[in-house]
Amino acid sequence: MIFITSKCLFFRINQTIGLSILLFFLVTQPIVSQEFQSIEIADNVFVIPSLNSAFNGEKNDGSANAGFIIGPSGVIVINTGGSYKIGKAIIDKVKQRTSTPIVMVLLTHVDKNFVFGASAFSELGIYVGAHDSTINTIKKRCGTCLARLRSQHTKLMENTSLTIPSVKLSATSSIVLGGTELVLIRYGTNEESVGLMVYHPITKTLFAGGNLSNTKIPDIENRNIDEWLESIEKIKKLPLRKVVPDYGTVIVDFNKLDTEIYLKTLKNQVQTMYYQSKSLFETIDIVSLTPFADWTSYDSNHQKNVQATYLQVELDDFELSP
């Protein structure tokens, strides 16, 4: 016969409860710094993937990328993550690679996974730069987005504040930061769609901003497809070895750019439906583009893209009509 004393039973219950609480804490609390890694993709050029993993956003959005370039006299960080904690984690990853100071942060475009980590850098006196249109869009839109993220991810968004970039960057210009040359290439036509790509001539590496993704359906809101495809053609004319998209793995095959393939297929099929006199709603149903259905953001972006493209084709047709 086995006897269990009340004291022993009390200890075992408390031990079980304590273990359950510990496991719950470990599962529910996002791990930020430990889960990130910096990957060297060219000499002194690094990418930090999975910025949005703590938000559990990779399944829907794909893996968000930041990066940094170590120059002779300073480090340039490209995009900052979606919160103060993630920004701090990026700083930690830079420090693990070099003792060279961070001299500038470049925000390529407005995206919740790229701009809200900037406060971690600005509190250290590090300059944050972006295109003038991007700065204006941050002022207009990002306060509301930040409030929503705080309500959804209270712990992860702790200490996160909205940082307005203090350095206005001009488009298609060559600048020297940290002792290394960078070429800034603008894309987009209206203010909310404008962004910058960052090209590093020495290593032939391009940080493509919101202009290229990998296995992700882009959001074409506020973008003109023809302009977008033209900007991708400009990319293909650059001497390139590596391209870092905003989402997805680093691109090395420049003859097969996912964003370009999707946009061309989308426009061609929507145009066909339009000139067959199909209605907008018929076109949305027909142009499902199922070969792209397993890409991230398909459910959230594709039907919106069909609608936007149809309206654009319709507008182009009206403008061409005598």
Protein backbone atom coordinates (compact mmCIF):
# COMPACT_ATOMS: atom_id res chain seq x y z
CA MET A 1 0.00 0.00 0.00
CA ILE A 2 1.30 3.44 -0.94
CA PHE A 3 0.64 6.40 1.35
CA ILE A 4 0.91 10.01 0.16
CA THR A 5 1.00 12.58 2.92
CA SER A 6 -0.92 15.81 2.56
CA LYS A 7 2.38 17.73 2.71
CA CYS A 8 3.81 15.67 -0.16
CA LEU A 9 0.61 16.04 -2.18
CA PHE A 10 0.63 19.81 -1.58
CA PHE A 11 4.24 20.00 -2.80
CA ARG A 12 3.49 17.97 -5.93
CA ILE A 13 0.43 20.09 -6.79
CA ASN A 14 2.40 23.30 -6.31
CA GLN A 15 5.28 21.86 -8.35
CA THR A 16 2.89 20.97 -11.19
CA ILE A 17 1.20 24.37 -11.10
CA GLY A 18 4.56 26.12 -11.03
CA LEU A 19 5.78 24.14 -14.02
CA SER A 20 2.57 24.89 -15.92
CA ILE A 21 2.92 28.60 -15.23
CA LEU A 22 6.54 28.53 -16.36
CA LEU A 23 5.66 26.70 -19.59
CA PHE A 24 2.79 29.13 -20.23
CA PHE A 25 5.15 32.06 -19.73
CA LEU A 26 7.75 30.62 -22.10
CA VAL A 27 5.19 29.86 -24.79
CA THR A 28 3.25 33.12 -24.64
CA GLN A 29 6.10 35.58 -24.19
CA PRO A 30 7.75 36.58 -27.47
CA ILE A 31 11.48 35.96 -27.57
CA VAL A 32 13.04 38.83 -29.46
CA SER A 33 16.80 39.11 -29.41
CA GLN A 34 17.61 35.41 -29.03
CA GLU A 35 15.66 34.26 -32.07
CA PHE A 36 17.20 36.67 -34.58
CA GLN A 37 20.32 35.92 -36.55
CA SER A 38 22.46 38.04 -38.83
CA ILE A 39 23.54 36.34 -42.04
CA GLU A 40 26.47 37.65 -44.07
CA ILE A 41 25.40 37.66 -47.73
CA ALA A 42 28.36 39.66 -49.08
CA ASP A 43 31.56 41.10 -47.63
CA ASN A 44 30.42 43.14 -44.58
CA VAL A 45 26.78 43.07 -45.74
CA PHE A 46 24.28 41.31 -43.50
CA VAL A 47 20.59 40.48 -43.58
CA ILE A 48 18.45 39.91 -40.47
CA PRO A 49 15.43 37.79 -41.50
CA SER A 50 12.23 36.95 -39.62
CA LEU A 51 11.79 40.40 -38.05
CA ASN A 52 8.08 39.72 -37.66
CA SER A 53 8.36 36.28 -36.06
CA ALA A 54 7.58 37.64 -32.59
CA PHE A 55 4.30 38.98 -33.99
CA ASN A 56 3.54 35.55 -35.47
CA GLY A 57 3.25 37.39 -38.78
CA GLU A 58 5.39 35.17 -41.00
CA LYS A 59 2.57 32.80 -41.95
CA ASN A 60 0.49 35.61 -43.45
CA ASP A 61 3.11 38.17 -44.46
CA GLY A 62 6.26 36.18 -45.09
CA SER A 63 9.59 36.72 -43.38
CA ALA A 64 10.40 40.44 -43.03
CA ASN A 65 14.01 41.50 -43.58
CA ALA A 66 16.28 44.18 -42.16
CA GLY A 67 19.99 44.47 -42.83
CA PHE A 68 23.18 46.37 -42.20
CA ILE A 69 26.37 47.29 -44.01
CA ILE A 70 29.65 47.68 -42.13
CA GLY A 71 31.67 50.48 -43.68
CA PRO A 72 35.27 51.46 -42.83
CA SER A 73 34.12 54.09 -40.33
CA GLY A 74 30.48 53.32 -39.58
CA VAL A 75 27.54 50.94 -39.87
CA ILE A 76 24.43 51.69 -41.91
CA VAL A 77 21.27 49.87 -40.76
CA ILE A 78 18.47 49.35 -43.28
CA ASN A 79 15.03 49.16 -41.64
CA THR A 80 14.42 48.73 -37.94
CA GLY A 81 11.74 46.15 -37.18
CA GLY A 82 8.26 46.59 -35.79
CA SER A 83 8.91 47.63 -32.18
CA TYR A 84 11.42 49.19 -29.80
CA LYS A 85 12.42 45.73 -28.55
CA ILE A 86 13.09 44.50 -32.08
CA GLY A 87 15.10 47.64 -32.81
CA LYS A 88 17.21 46.94 -29.71
CA ALA A 89 17.68 43.35 -30.88
CA ILE A 90 18.96 44.59 -34.25
CA ILE A 91 21.45 46.84 -32.44
CA ASP A 92 22.61 43.82 -30.43
CA LYS A 93 23.15 41.83 -33.62
CA VAL A 94 25.24 44.65 -35.10
CA LYS A 95 27.37 44.79 -31.94
CA GLN A 96 27.97 41.04 -32.16
CA ARG A 97 29.49 41.55 -35.61
CA THR A 98 31.53 44.73 -35.13
CA SER A 99 32.63 47.44 -32.71
CA THR A 100 32.21 50.02 -35.47
CA PRO A 101 29.47 52.51 -34.47
CA ILE A 102 26.11 52.76 -36.20
CA VAL A 103 26.09 56.11 -38.01
CA MET A 104 22.77 56.03 -39.86
CA VAL A 105 19.48 54.18 -40.16
CA LEU A 106 17.75 54.16 -43.54
CA LEU A 107 14.01 53.46 -43.73
CA THR A 108 13.23 52.26 -47.24
CA HIS A 109 9.44 52.69 -47.04
CA VAL A 110 6.46 52.68 -44.71
CA ASP A 111 5.72 49.23 -43.31
CA LYS A 112 4.70 48.25 -39.78
CA ASN A 113 7.53 45.70 -39.65
CA PHE A 114 10.21 48.23 -40.58
CA VAL A 115 9.60 51.65 -39.02
CA PHE A 116 8.63 51.23 -35.35
CA GLY A 117 12.03 50.01 -34.17
CA ALA A 118 13.54 53.40 -35.04
CA SER A 119 13.04 54.74 -31.51
CA ALA A 120 15.70 52.30 -30.23
CA PHE A 121 18.22 53.99 -32.52
CA SER A 122 17.13 57.61 -32.07
CA GLU A 123 17.46 57.35 -28.28
CA LEU A 124 21.16 56.62 -28.85
CA GLY A 125 21.52 59.73 -30.99
CA ILE A 126 21.69 57.75 -34.23
CA TYR A 127 20.30 59.59 -37.24
CA VAL A 128 17.25 58.10 -38.97
CA GLY A 129 16.77 58.96 -42.65
CA ALA A 130 14.06 58.38 -45.26
CA HIS A 131 12.69 59.88 -48.44
CA ASP A 132 10.67 63.05 -47.87
CA SER A 133 7.47 61.34 -49.05
CA THR A 134 8.07 58.45 -46.65
CA ILE A 135 8.53 60.91 -43.79
CA ASN A 136 5.22 62.60 -44.63
CA THR A 137 3.43 59.25 -44.80
CA ILE A 138 4.85 58.23 -41.42
CA LYS A 139 3.48 61.47 -39.95
CA LYS A 140 0.04 60.90 -41.47
CA ARG A 141 -0.53 57.18 -41.00
CA CYS A 142 1.79 55.57 -38.50
CA GLY A 143 0.29 56.99 -35.31
CA THR A 144 -2.95 55.08 -35.89
CA CYS A 145 -1.08 51.92 -36.83
CA LEU A 146 1.08 52.15 -33.70
CA ALA A 147 -1.99 52.50 -31.48
CA ARG A 148 -3.51 49.37 -33.02
CA LEU A 149 -0.29 47.38 -32.57
CA ARG A 150 -0.04 48.47 -28.94
CA SER A 151 -3.54 47.16 -28.26
CA GLN A 152 -2.84 43.85 -30.03
CA HIS A 153 0.71 43.21 -28.76
CA THR A 154 0.97 45.02 -25.44
CA LYS A 155 4.13 43.31 -24.18
CA LEU A 156 6.03 43.35 -27.45
CA MET A 157 5.23 47.01 -28.12
CA GLU A 158 6.44 48.24 -24.71
CA ASN A 159 8.48 51.48 -24.93
CA THR A 160 7.71 51.78 -28.65
CA SER A 161 7.15 55.35 -29.80
CA LEU A 162 6.77 56.96 -33.20
CA THR A 163 10.07 58.31 -34.48
CA ILE A 164 9.95 60.79 -37.34
CA PRO A 165 13.11 60.51 -39.48
CA SER A 166 15.23 63.64 -39.13
CA VAL A 167 17.26 63.20 -42.31
CA LYS A 168 15.53 63.75 -45.66
CA LEU A 169 17.07 61.65 -48.40
CA SER A 170 16.85 62.56 -52.07
CA ALA A 171 16.14 59.99 -54.73
CA THR A 172 18.61 58.48 -57.20
CA SER A 173 21.62 59.97 -55.52
CA SER A 174 25.00 58.63 -54.48
CA ILE A 175 25.96 59.23 -50.86
CA VAL A 176 28.84 58.15 -48.66
CA LEU A 177 27.96 56.89 -45.19
CA GLY A 178 30.33 55.17 -42.81
CA GLY A 179 33.04 55.46 -45.44
CA THR A 180 31.17 53.39 -48.04
CA GLU A 181 29.21 54.48 -51.10
CA LEU A 182 25.46 53.88 -51.38
CA VAL A 183 23.15 54.68 -54.28
CA LEU A 184 19.56 55.55 -53.37
CA ILE A 185 17.00 54.67 -56.05
CA ARG A 186 13.45 55.97 -55.82
CA TYR A 187 10.36 53.99 -56.80
CA GLY A 188 6.66 54.88 -56.71
CA THR A 189 4.74 57.83 -58.12
CA ASN A 190 2.46 59.29 -55.46
CA GLU A 191 3.50 60.21 -51.94
CA GLU A 192 2.18 57.13 -50.14
CA SER A 193 3.81 54.71 -52.59
CA VAL A 194 7.26 56.32 -52.77
CA GLY A 195 10.17 54.38 -51.33
CA LEU A 196 13.91 54.01 -51.73
CA MET A 197 16.03 51.07 -52.76
CA VAL A 198 19.57 51.02 -51.36
CA TYR A 199 22.31 49.81 -53.70
CA HIS A 200 25.82 49.02 -52.46
CA PRO A 201 28.07 49.18 -55.55
CA ILE A 202 31.14 47.61 -53.93
CA THR A 203 29.36 44.32 -53.23
CA LYS A 204 26.67 44.68 -55.92
CA THR A 205 23.99 44.18 -53.26
CA LEU A 206 20.54 45.79 -53.46
CA PHE A 207 18.11 46.27 -50.59
CA ALA A 208 14.93 46.51 -52.66
CA GLY A 209 12.59 48.03 -50.08
CA GLY A 210 8.93 47.51 -50.93
CA ASN A 211 9.67 47.12 -54.63
CA LEU A 212 10.46 43.38 -54.56
CA SER A 213 9.24 40.49 -52.44
CA ASN A 214 9.91 36.76 -52.64
CA THR A 215 6.97 34.31 -52.77
CA LYS A 216 4.67 37.02 -51.42
CA ILE A 217 1.69 38.70 -53.07
CA PRO A 218 2.41 42.45 -53.08
CA ASP A 219 -0.17 45.08 -52.21
CA ILE A 220 -0.55 47.33 -55.25
CA GLU A 221 -2.60 49.97 -53.43
CA ASN A 222 -1.36 53.42 -54.52
CA ARG A 223 1.00 51.85 -57.08
CA ASN A 224 0.78 51.99 -60.85
CA ILE A 225 1.61 48.57 -62.29
CA ASP A 226 3.32 49.98 -65.38
CA GLU A 227 5.55 52.24 -63.26
CA TRP A 228 6.26 49.32 -60.94
CA LEU A 229 7.32 47.07 -63.80
CA GLU A 230 9.50 49.86 -65.21
CA SER A 231 11.26 50.22 -61.86
CA ILE A 232 11.89 46.46 -61.80
CA GLU A 233 13.44 46.71 -65.28
CA LYS A 234 15.84 49.31 -63.87
CA ILE A 235 16.81 46.86 -61.13
CA LYS A 236 17.66 44.20 -63.70
CA LYS A 237 20.04 46.59 -65.46
CA LEU A 238 22.15 47.02 -62.31
CA PRO A 239 25.28 44.90 -61.79
CA LEU A 240 23.86 42.57 -59.14
CA ARG A 241 24.95 39.65 -57.01
CA LYS A 242 22.33 39.68 -54.24
CA VAL A 243 18.94 41.35 -53.77
CA VAL A 244 17.34 41.62 -50.34
CA PRO A 245 13.54 41.83 -50.74
CA ASP A 246 11.29 43.33 -48.09
CA TYR A 247 9.83 39.86 -47.45
CA GLY A 248 11.19 36.44 -48.28
CA THR A 249 14.58 34.90 -48.92
CA VAL A 250 17.48 36.72 -50.55
CA ILE A 251 17.20 36.74 -54.36
CA VAL A 252 20.05 35.49 -56.54
CA ASP A 253 18.16 34.65 -59.77
CA PHE A 254 17.41 38.00 -61.39
CA ASN A 255 15.74 36.47 -64.44
CA LYS A 256 12.92 35.18 -62.27
CA LEU A 257 11.68 37.93 -59.97
CA ASP A 258 8.49 36.88 -58.21
CA THR A 259 6.97 40.34 -57.98
CA GLU A 260 7.51 40.96 -61.69
CA ILE A 261 6.00 37.60 -62.66
CA TYR A 262 2.93 38.20 -60.52
CA LEU A 263 2.34 41.77 -61.73
CA LYS A 264 2.68 40.83 -65.41
CA THR A 265 0.36 37.84 -65.03
CA LEU A 266 -2.17 39.90 -63.09
CA LYS A 267 -2.28 42.74 -65.59
CA ASN A 268 -2.45 40.46 -68.64
CA GLN A 269 -5.34 38.42 -67.28
CA VAL A 270 -7.29 41.44 -66.01
CA GLN A 271 -6.84 43.19 -69.36
CA THR A 272 -8.14 40.10 -71.15
CA MET A 273 -11.24 40.03 -68.95
CA TYR A 274 -11.84 43.76 -69.40
CA TYR A 275 -11.68 43.60 -73.19
CA GLN A 276 -13.99 40.60 -73.12
CA SER A 277 -16.48 42.95 -71.41
CA LYS A 278 -16.38 41.08 -68.12
CA SER A 279 -17.57 43.08 -65.13
CA LEU A 280 -15.35 43.88 -62.18
CA PHE A 281 -17.02 41.23 -60.02
CA GLU A 282 -16.75 38.61 -62.77
CA THR A 283 -13.08 39.45 -63.18
CA ILE A 284 -12.42 39.09 -59.45
CA ASP A 285 -13.99 35.61 -59.57
CA ILE A 286 -12.21 34.50 -62.74
CA VAL A 287 -8.72 35.90 -62.15
CA SER A 288 -7.88 33.78 -59.14
CA LEU A 289 -4.28 33.10 -60.25
CA THR A 290 -4.23 29.80 -58.37
CA PRO A 291 -0.52 29.13 -59.16
CA PHE A 292 0.21 31.97 -56.73
CA ALA A 293 -2.27 30.81 -54.08
CA ASP A 294 0.40 29.36 -51.79
CA TRP A 295 2.32 32.64 -51.62
CA THR A 296 2.01 34.64 -48.43
CA SER A 297 -0.55 37.48 -48.38
CA TYR A 298 -2.58 35.83 -51.17
CA ASP A 299 -5.78 35.87 -49.11
CA SER A 300 -5.34 39.44 -47.91
CA ASN A 301 -4.02 41.08 -51.09
CA HIS A 302 -4.91 39.26 -54.29
CA GLN A 303 -8.58 40.16 -54.73
CA LYS A 304 -7.82 43.77 -53.83
CA ASN A 305 -5.11 43.74 -56.47
CA VAL A 306 -7.51 42.44 -59.12
CA GLN A 307 -9.92 45.24 -58.30
CA ALA A 308 -7.23 47.93 -58.37
CA THR A 309 -5.83 46.61 -61.66
CA TYR A 310 -9.26 46.45 -63.30
CA LEU A 311 -9.95 50.07 -62.37
CA GLN A 312 -6.54 51.07 -63.68
CA VAL A 313 -7.11 49.27 -67.00
CA GLU A 314 -10.52 50.91 -67.25
CA LEU A 315 -9.03 54.36 -66.61
CA ASP A 316 -6.31 53.78 -69.20
CA ASP A 317 -8.97 52.76 -71.73
CA PHE A 318 -11.01 55.91 -71.09
CA GLU A 319 -7.93 58.10 -71.44
CA LEU A 320 -7.04 56.47 -74.78
CA SER A 321 -10.58 56.77 -76.14
CA PRO A 322 -11.07 59.60 -78.69
